[in-house]
Amino acid sequence: MIELIVTDSPAPADRDAIVDGLSRYNRDETGGADAQPLAVLIKGPAGATTGGLLGRTWLGWLYVELLYVPDGLRGSGVGRELMLRAEAEAEARGCIGIWLNTFSFQARGFYEKLGFALIGRIDDYPVGHQRYFLQKRL
């Protein structure tokens, strides 16, 4: 007999069981190796990270999970350079494309200027805004 539990505080072991099971299934179905992290970091004068890009490559694609450029650096080309360096690393890893998502109050136009195309959207997420999904073929 199984039991279904609804909780807002799963234990780390609960998450690990789900991630491990799904990862194993995905590997069996795709033959793909584990994902490899990718980071392009912005370091300040004291060496502290002040922003950057976090993502991972898997199954021939780079997924850009997070991109943050501090206020004082926005519009200076640093965001573009972060993306270009991540793209170069994705190509070096043999990726065929990059995908990401952004909100209507964030940076859709920035990504489109870099060659990304809209492939999907969710309206009213959050209410009054949209969430966009974009891709770029390499």
N, C-alpha and C. Protein backbone atom coordinates (compact mmCIF):
# COMPACT_ATOMS: atom_id res chain seq x y z
N MET A 1 0.84 -1.18 0.00
CA MET A 1 0.00 0.00 0.00
C MET A 1 0.88 1.24 0.00
N ILE A 2 0.51 2.24 -0.81
CA ILE A 2 1.25 3.49 -0.86
C ILE A 2 0.51 4.55 -0.07
N GLU A 3 1.23 5.58 0.27
CA GLU A 3 0.66 6.73 0.96
C GLU A 3 1.13 7.97 0.23
N LEU A 4 0.23 8.90 -0.03
CA LEU A 4 0.57 10.16 -0.67
C LEU A 4 0.57 11.25 0.40
N ILE A 5 1.67 11.97 0.50
CA ILE A 5 1.84 13.00 1.53
C ILE A 5 1.99 14.36 0.85
N VAL A 6 1.25 15.34 1.28
CA VAL A 6 1.40 16.72 0.82
C VAL A 6 2.15 17.47 1.91
N THR A 7 3.26 18.12 1.53
CA THR A 7 4.07 18.84 2.52
C THR A 7 4.72 20.06 1.89
N ASP A 8 5.00 21.05 2.70
CA ASP A 8 5.76 22.19 2.23
C ASP A 8 7.20 22.14 2.74
N SER A 9 7.56 21.00 3.32
CA SER A 9 8.93 20.87 3.84
C SER A 9 9.46 19.44 3.65
N PRO A 10 9.65 19.05 2.38
CA PRO A 10 10.22 17.72 2.16
C PRO A 10 11.66 17.65 2.67
N ALA A 11 12.04 16.51 3.15
CA ALA A 11 13.42 16.31 3.61
C ALA A 11 14.35 16.23 2.39
N PRO A 12 15.63 16.56 2.57
CA PRO A 12 16.57 16.42 1.46
C PRO A 12 16.56 15.01 0.85
N ALA A 13 16.38 14.00 1.67
CA ALA A 13 16.34 12.62 1.16
C ALA A 13 15.12 12.41 0.26
N ASP A 14 14.01 13.10 0.55
CA ASP A 14 12.82 13.00 -0.30
C ASP A 14 13.12 13.55 -1.69
N ARG A 15 13.74 14.72 -1.73
CA ARG A 15 14.10 15.33 -3.01
C ARG A 15 15.10 14.45 -3.75
N ASP A 16 16.10 13.94 -3.04
CA ASP A 16 17.11 13.09 -3.66
C ASP A 16 16.48 11.86 -4.30
N ALA A 17 15.50 11.26 -3.64
CA ALA A 17 14.84 10.07 -4.18
C ALA A 17 14.14 10.39 -5.51
N ILE A 18 13.51 11.54 -5.59
CA ILE A 18 12.80 11.93 -6.81
C ILE A 18 13.79 12.28 -7.91
N VAL A 19 14.81 13.09 -7.59
CA VAL A 19 15.81 13.49 -8.57
C VAL A 19 16.57 12.28 -9.09
N ASP A 20 16.99 11.40 -8.18
CA ASP A 20 17.74 10.22 -8.59
C ASP A 20 16.92 9.31 -9.50
N GLY A 21 15.66 9.10 -9.13
CA GLY A 21 14.79 8.25 -9.95
C GLY A 21 14.56 8.82 -11.33
N LEU A 22 14.26 10.12 -11.39
CA LEU A 22 14.01 10.76 -12.68
C LEU A 22 15.29 10.81 -13.52
N SER A 23 16.42 11.10 -12.88
CA SER A 23 17.69 11.13 -13.61
C SER A 23 18.02 9.77 -14.21
N ARG A 24 17.82 8.73 -13.45
CA ARG A 24 18.07 7.37 -13.93
C ARG A 24 17.16 7.04 -15.12
N TYR A 25 15.88 7.39 -15.00
CA TYR A 25 14.94 7.15 -16.09
C TYR A 25 15.36 7.92 -17.34
N ASN A 26 15.71 9.21 -17.17
CA ASN A 26 16.12 10.02 -18.32
C ASN A 26 17.36 9.46 -18.99
N ARG A 27 18.34 9.02 -18.20
CA ARG A 27 19.56 8.41 -18.78
C ARG A 27 19.20 7.16 -19.56
N ASP A 28 18.32 6.34 -19.01
CA ASP A 28 17.92 5.10 -19.70
C ASP A 28 17.22 5.40 -21.02
N GLU A 29 16.41 6.43 -21.04
CA GLU A 29 15.65 6.77 -22.25
C GLU A 29 16.47 7.49 -23.30
N THR A 30 17.42 8.31 -22.88
CA THR A 30 18.16 9.16 -23.83
C THR A 30 19.59 8.71 -24.07
N GLY A 31 20.13 7.93 -23.16
CA GLY A 31 21.53 7.57 -23.25
C GLY A 31 22.44 8.72 -22.87
N GLY A 32 21.83 9.83 -22.44
CA GLY A 32 22.59 11.03 -22.10
C GLY A 32 23.30 10.92 -20.77
N ALA A 33 24.47 11.52 -20.72
CA ALA A 33 25.23 11.56 -19.48
C ALA A 33 24.64 12.61 -18.56
N ASP A 34 25.13 12.66 -17.36
CA ASP A 34 24.66 13.64 -16.39
C ASP A 34 24.92 15.06 -16.87
N ALA A 35 24.12 15.97 -16.39
CA ALA A 35 24.30 17.38 -16.70
C ALA A 35 25.61 17.89 -16.13
N GLN A 36 26.18 18.88 -16.82
CA GLN A 36 27.43 19.49 -16.37
C GLN A 36 27.16 20.97 -16.08
N PRO A 37 27.45 21.44 -14.87
CA PRO A 37 27.22 22.85 -14.53
C PRO A 37 28.07 23.78 -15.39
N LEU A 38 27.58 25.00 -15.56
CA LEU A 38 28.33 26.05 -16.24
C LEU A 38 28.06 27.36 -15.51
N ALA A 39 29.10 28.08 -15.20
CA ALA A 39 28.96 29.39 -14.55
C ALA A 39 29.91 30.37 -15.21
N VAL A 40 29.43 31.60 -15.39
CA VAL A 40 30.26 32.72 -15.81
C VAL A 40 30.03 33.78 -14.74
N LEU A 41 31.06 34.08 -13.97
CA LEU A 41 30.91 34.91 -12.78
C LEU A 41 31.44 36.32 -12.98
N ILE A 42 30.77 37.28 -12.36
CA ILE A 42 31.25 38.66 -12.28
C ILE A 42 31.89 38.79 -10.90
N LYS A 43 33.16 39.13 -10.89
CA LYS A 43 33.89 39.30 -9.63
C LYS A 43 34.19 40.78 -9.42
N GLY A 44 33.96 41.26 -8.20
CA GLY A 44 34.27 42.64 -7.84
C GLY A 44 35.73 42.79 -7.50
N PRO A 45 36.15 44.02 -7.18
CA PRO A 45 37.57 44.30 -6.88
C PRO A 45 38.13 43.45 -5.74
N ALA A 46 37.30 43.12 -4.75
CA ALA A 46 37.77 42.32 -3.61
C ALA A 46 37.67 40.82 -3.90
N GLY A 47 37.26 40.46 -5.11
CA GLY A 47 37.17 39.05 -5.47
C GLY A 47 35.84 38.40 -5.16
N ALA A 48 34.90 39.15 -4.61
CA ALA A 48 33.58 38.61 -4.30
C ALA A 48 32.72 38.55 -5.56
N THR A 49 31.92 37.53 -5.68
CA THR A 49 30.99 37.41 -6.80
C THR A 49 29.87 38.42 -6.62
N THR A 50 29.63 39.24 -7.64
CA THR A 50 28.56 40.24 -7.58
C THR A 50 27.43 39.95 -8.54
N GLY A 51 27.60 38.97 -9.39
CA GLY A 51 26.59 38.61 -10.36
C GLY A 51 27.14 37.56 -11.29
N GLY A 52 26.37 37.26 -12.33
CA GLY A 52 26.84 36.30 -13.31
C GLY A 52 25.73 35.45 -13.89
N LEU A 53 26.15 34.35 -14.49
CA LEU A 53 25.26 33.42 -15.17
C LEU A 53 25.48 32.02 -14.60
N LEU A 54 24.38 31.34 -14.34
CA LEU A 54 24.42 29.94 -13.91
C LEU A 54 23.56 29.12 -14.85
N GLY A 55 24.06 27.97 -15.22
CA GLY A 55 23.31 27.08 -16.09
C GLY A 55 23.90 25.70 -16.08
N ARG A 56 23.49 24.91 -17.06
CA ARG A 56 24.02 23.55 -17.18
C ARG A 56 23.84 23.08 -18.61
N THR A 57 24.76 22.25 -19.05
CA THR A 57 24.64 21.62 -20.35
C THR A 57 24.19 20.18 -20.13
N TRP A 58 23.29 19.73 -21.01
CA TRP A 58 22.77 18.38 -20.92
C TRP A 58 22.07 18.05 -22.23
N LEU A 59 22.35 16.90 -22.76
CA LEU A 59 21.72 16.40 -23.98
C LEU A 59 21.89 17.35 -25.16
N GLY A 60 23.06 18.01 -25.21
CA GLY A 60 23.37 18.85 -26.36
C GLY A 60 22.82 20.27 -26.29
N TRP A 61 22.31 20.67 -25.14
CA TRP A 61 21.77 22.02 -24.99
C TRP A 61 22.31 22.65 -23.72
N LEU A 62 22.48 23.97 -23.76
CA LEU A 62 22.77 24.75 -22.56
C LEU A 62 21.45 25.34 -22.08
N TYR A 63 21.13 25.11 -20.81
CA TYR A 63 19.99 25.77 -20.17
C TYR A 63 20.55 26.87 -19.29
N VAL A 64 20.18 28.12 -19.56
CA VAL A 64 20.58 29.25 -18.73
C VAL A 64 19.52 29.38 -17.64
N GLU A 65 19.90 28.99 -16.44
CA GLU A 65 18.96 28.99 -15.32
C GLU A 65 18.82 30.38 -14.70
N LEU A 66 19.93 31.07 -14.50
CA LEU A 66 19.91 32.38 -13.85
C LEU A 66 20.92 33.31 -14.51
N LEU A 67 20.54 34.56 -14.67
CA LEU A 67 21.45 35.60 -15.15
C LEU A 67 21.16 36.84 -14.33
N TYR A 68 22.19 37.35 -13.65
CA TYR A 68 22.03 38.56 -12.85
C TYR A 68 23.21 39.49 -13.09
N VAL A 69 22.87 40.72 -13.49
CA VAL A 69 23.87 41.78 -13.66
C VAL A 69 23.51 42.87 -12.65
N PRO A 70 24.45 43.24 -11.77
CA PRO A 70 24.16 44.29 -10.78
C PRO A 70 23.74 45.60 -11.45
N ASP A 71 22.91 46.37 -10.76
CA ASP A 71 22.37 47.62 -11.30
C ASP A 71 23.43 48.49 -11.95
N GLY A 72 24.55 48.71 -11.29
CA GLY A 72 25.59 49.61 -11.79
C GLY A 72 26.26 49.15 -13.07
N LEU A 73 26.08 47.88 -13.43
CA LEU A 73 26.71 47.34 -14.64
C LEU A 73 25.72 47.14 -15.79
N ARG A 74 24.43 47.31 -15.52
CA ARG A 74 23.44 47.11 -16.59
C ARG A 74 23.63 48.15 -17.68
N GLY A 75 23.51 47.71 -18.91
CA GLY A 75 23.69 48.61 -20.05
C GLY A 75 25.13 48.82 -20.46
N SER A 76 26.05 48.16 -19.77
CA SER A 76 27.48 48.36 -20.06
C SER A 76 28.06 47.29 -20.98
N GLY A 77 27.26 46.30 -21.35
CA GLY A 77 27.74 45.22 -22.19
C GLY A 77 28.17 43.98 -21.41
N VAL A 78 28.14 44.06 -20.08
CA VAL A 78 28.55 42.92 -19.26
C VAL A 78 27.59 41.75 -19.45
N GLY A 79 26.29 42.01 -19.48
CA GLY A 79 25.31 40.94 -19.69
C GLY A 79 25.53 40.23 -21.02
N ARG A 80 25.77 41.01 -22.05
CA ARG A 80 26.06 40.44 -23.38
C ARG A 80 27.31 39.57 -23.32
N GLU A 81 28.34 40.05 -22.64
CA GLU A 81 29.58 39.28 -22.54
C GLU A 81 29.38 37.99 -21.76
N LEU A 82 28.56 38.04 -20.72
CA LEU A 82 28.24 36.81 -19.98
C LEU A 82 27.63 35.77 -20.92
N MET A 83 26.66 36.22 -21.71
CA MET A 83 25.97 35.31 -22.62
C MET A 83 26.92 34.79 -23.70
N LEU A 84 27.77 35.66 -24.24
CA LEU A 84 28.70 35.23 -25.29
C LEU A 84 29.71 34.21 -24.76
N ARG A 85 30.18 34.41 -23.55
CA ARG A 85 31.11 33.44 -22.98
C ARG A 85 30.43 32.11 -22.68
N ALA A 86 29.18 32.16 -22.21
CA ALA A 86 28.44 30.92 -21.97
C ALA A 86 28.18 30.20 -23.30
N GLU A 87 27.84 30.96 -24.33
CA GLU A 87 27.61 30.38 -25.65
C GLU A 87 28.87 29.72 -26.19
N ALA A 88 30.02 30.38 -26.03
CA ALA A 88 31.29 29.80 -26.50
C ALA A 88 31.59 28.50 -25.76
N GLU A 89 31.33 28.47 -24.47
CA GLU A 89 31.56 27.24 -23.70
C GLU A 89 30.58 26.16 -24.12
N ALA A 90 29.33 26.53 -24.38
CA ALA A 90 28.34 25.56 -24.84
C ALA A 90 28.79 24.94 -26.17
N GLU A 91 29.27 25.77 -27.08
CA GLU A 91 29.77 25.25 -28.36
C GLU A 91 30.96 24.33 -28.15
N ALA A 92 31.86 24.72 -27.23
CA ALA A 92 33.03 23.88 -26.94
C ALA A 92 32.62 22.53 -26.36
N ARG A 93 31.47 22.50 -25.69
CA ARG A 93 30.95 21.25 -25.13
C ARG A 93 30.11 20.47 -26.14
N GLY A 94 30.01 20.98 -27.34
CA GLY A 94 29.27 20.29 -28.40
C GLY A 94 27.78 20.55 -28.42
N CYS A 95 27.32 21.59 -27.75
CA CYS A 95 25.89 21.89 -27.72
C CYS A 95 25.40 22.40 -29.08
N ILE A 96 24.13 22.13 -29.35
CA ILE A 96 23.50 22.60 -30.59
C ILE A 96 22.58 23.79 -30.34
N GLY A 97 22.35 24.13 -29.07
CA GLY A 97 21.47 25.25 -28.79
C GLY A 97 21.50 25.65 -27.33
N ILE A 98 20.81 26.77 -27.07
CA ILE A 98 20.67 27.33 -25.73
C ILE A 98 19.19 27.62 -25.52
N TRP A 99 18.71 27.35 -24.31
CA TRP A 99 17.34 27.75 -23.99
C TRP A 99 17.30 28.38 -22.62
N LEU A 100 16.27 29.19 -22.39
CA LEU A 100 16.11 29.91 -21.13
C LEU A 100 14.67 30.39 -21.01
N ASN A 101 14.36 30.93 -19.85
CA ASN A 101 13.07 31.59 -19.69
C ASN A 101 13.27 32.90 -18.96
N THR A 102 12.36 33.84 -19.20
CA THR A 102 12.43 35.16 -18.60
C THR A 102 11.01 35.68 -18.44
N PHE A 103 10.84 36.66 -17.59
CA PHE A 103 9.52 37.27 -17.37
C PHE A 103 9.39 38.54 -18.19
N SER A 104 8.14 39.00 -18.38
CA SER A 104 7.89 40.22 -19.15
C SER A 104 8.51 41.44 -18.50
N PHE A 105 8.75 41.41 -17.20
CA PHE A 105 9.39 42.54 -16.52
C PHE A 105 10.91 42.39 -16.46
N GLN A 106 11.45 41.39 -17.15
CA GLN A 106 12.89 41.17 -17.15
C GLN A 106 13.48 41.50 -18.52
N ALA A 107 14.03 40.53 -19.24
CA ALA A 107 14.96 40.86 -20.33
C ALA A 107 14.67 40.18 -21.66
N ARG A 108 13.41 40.01 -22.02
CA ARG A 108 13.12 39.34 -23.30
C ARG A 108 13.83 40.03 -24.47
N GLY A 109 13.74 41.35 -24.56
CA GLY A 109 14.37 42.08 -25.66
C GLY A 109 15.88 41.90 -25.70
N PHE A 110 16.50 41.85 -24.55
CA PHE A 110 17.95 41.62 -24.47
C PHE A 110 18.30 40.29 -25.13
N TYR A 111 17.57 39.24 -24.80
CA TYR A 111 17.86 37.92 -25.38
C TYR A 111 17.57 37.90 -26.88
N GLU A 112 16.49 38.55 -27.30
CA GLU A 112 16.18 38.57 -28.73
C GLU A 112 17.27 39.29 -29.53
N LYS A 113 17.87 40.33 -28.96
CA LYS A 113 18.98 41.02 -29.63
C LYS A 113 20.19 40.09 -29.79
N LEU A 114 20.28 39.08 -28.94
CA LEU A 114 21.38 38.11 -29.02
C LEU A 114 21.04 36.92 -29.92
N GLY A 115 19.90 36.98 -30.60
CA GLY A 115 19.54 35.93 -31.54
C GLY A 115 18.59 34.88 -31.02
N PHE A 116 18.03 35.07 -29.84
CA PHE A 116 17.07 34.11 -29.29
C PHE A 116 15.70 34.35 -29.90
N ALA A 117 14.95 33.27 -30.07
CA ALA A 117 13.60 33.33 -30.62
C ALA A 117 12.61 32.82 -29.58
N LEU A 118 11.44 33.44 -29.54
CA LEU A 118 10.38 33.04 -28.64
C LEU A 118 9.82 31.69 -29.08
N ILE A 119 9.73 30.74 -28.13
CA ILE A 119 9.16 29.42 -28.45
C ILE A 119 7.95 29.09 -27.59
N GLY A 120 7.64 29.95 -26.61
CA GLY A 120 6.47 29.70 -25.78
C GLY A 120 6.28 30.79 -24.76
N ARG A 121 5.07 30.82 -24.19
CA ARG A 121 4.78 31.80 -23.15
C ARG A 121 3.65 31.30 -22.26
N ILE A 122 3.65 31.79 -21.04
CA ILE A 122 2.58 31.55 -20.10
C ILE A 122 2.03 32.91 -19.70
N ASP A 123 0.75 33.16 -19.95
CA ASP A 123 0.14 34.42 -19.57
C ASP A 123 -0.26 34.40 -18.10
N ASP A 124 -0.24 35.58 -17.49
CA ASP A 124 -0.61 35.77 -16.08
C ASP A 124 0.24 34.94 -15.13
N TYR A 125 1.54 34.90 -15.44
CA TYR A 125 2.50 34.24 -14.55
C TYR A 125 3.69 35.13 -14.36
N PRO A 126 3.69 36.00 -13.32
CA PRO A 126 2.62 36.23 -12.35
C PRO A 126 1.48 37.04 -12.97
N VAL A 127 0.38 37.13 -12.25
CA VAL A 127 -0.81 37.81 -12.76
C VAL A 127 -0.41 39.19 -13.29
N GLY A 128 -0.85 39.48 -14.51
CA GLY A 128 -0.54 40.75 -15.14
C GLY A 128 0.74 40.74 -15.94
N HIS A 129 1.47 39.64 -15.92
CA HIS A 129 2.74 39.51 -16.64
C HIS A 129 2.75 38.20 -17.41
N GLN A 130 3.85 37.97 -18.14
CA GLN A 130 4.02 36.74 -18.89
C GLN A 130 5.39 36.15 -18.56
N ARG A 131 5.46 34.85 -18.73
CA ARG A 131 6.75 34.16 -18.67
C ARG A 131 7.03 33.67 -20.08
N TYR A 132 8.23 34.00 -20.57
CA TYR A 132 8.61 33.66 -21.94
C TYR A 132 9.68 32.57 -21.94
N PHE A 133 9.61 31.71 -22.94
CA PHE A 133 10.61 30.66 -23.16
C PHE A 133 11.25 30.95 -24.52
N LEU A 134 12.58 30.99 -24.53
CA LEU A 134 13.32 31.33 -25.73
C LEU A 134 14.41 30.31 -26.01
N GLN A 135 14.78 30.20 -27.28
CA GLN A 135 15.88 29.32 -27.67
C GLN A 135 16.72 29.98 -28.74
N LYS A 136 17.94 29.50 -28.82
CA LYS A 136 18.86 29.94 -29.86
C LYS A 136 19.61 28.70 -30.35
N ARG A 137 19.57 28.46 -31.63
CA ARG A 137 20.33 27.36 -32.22
C ARG A 137 21.75 27.84 -32.47
N LEU A 138 22.70 26.97 -32.17
CA LEU A 138 24.11 27.31 -32.40
C LEU A 138 24.58 26.76 -33.73
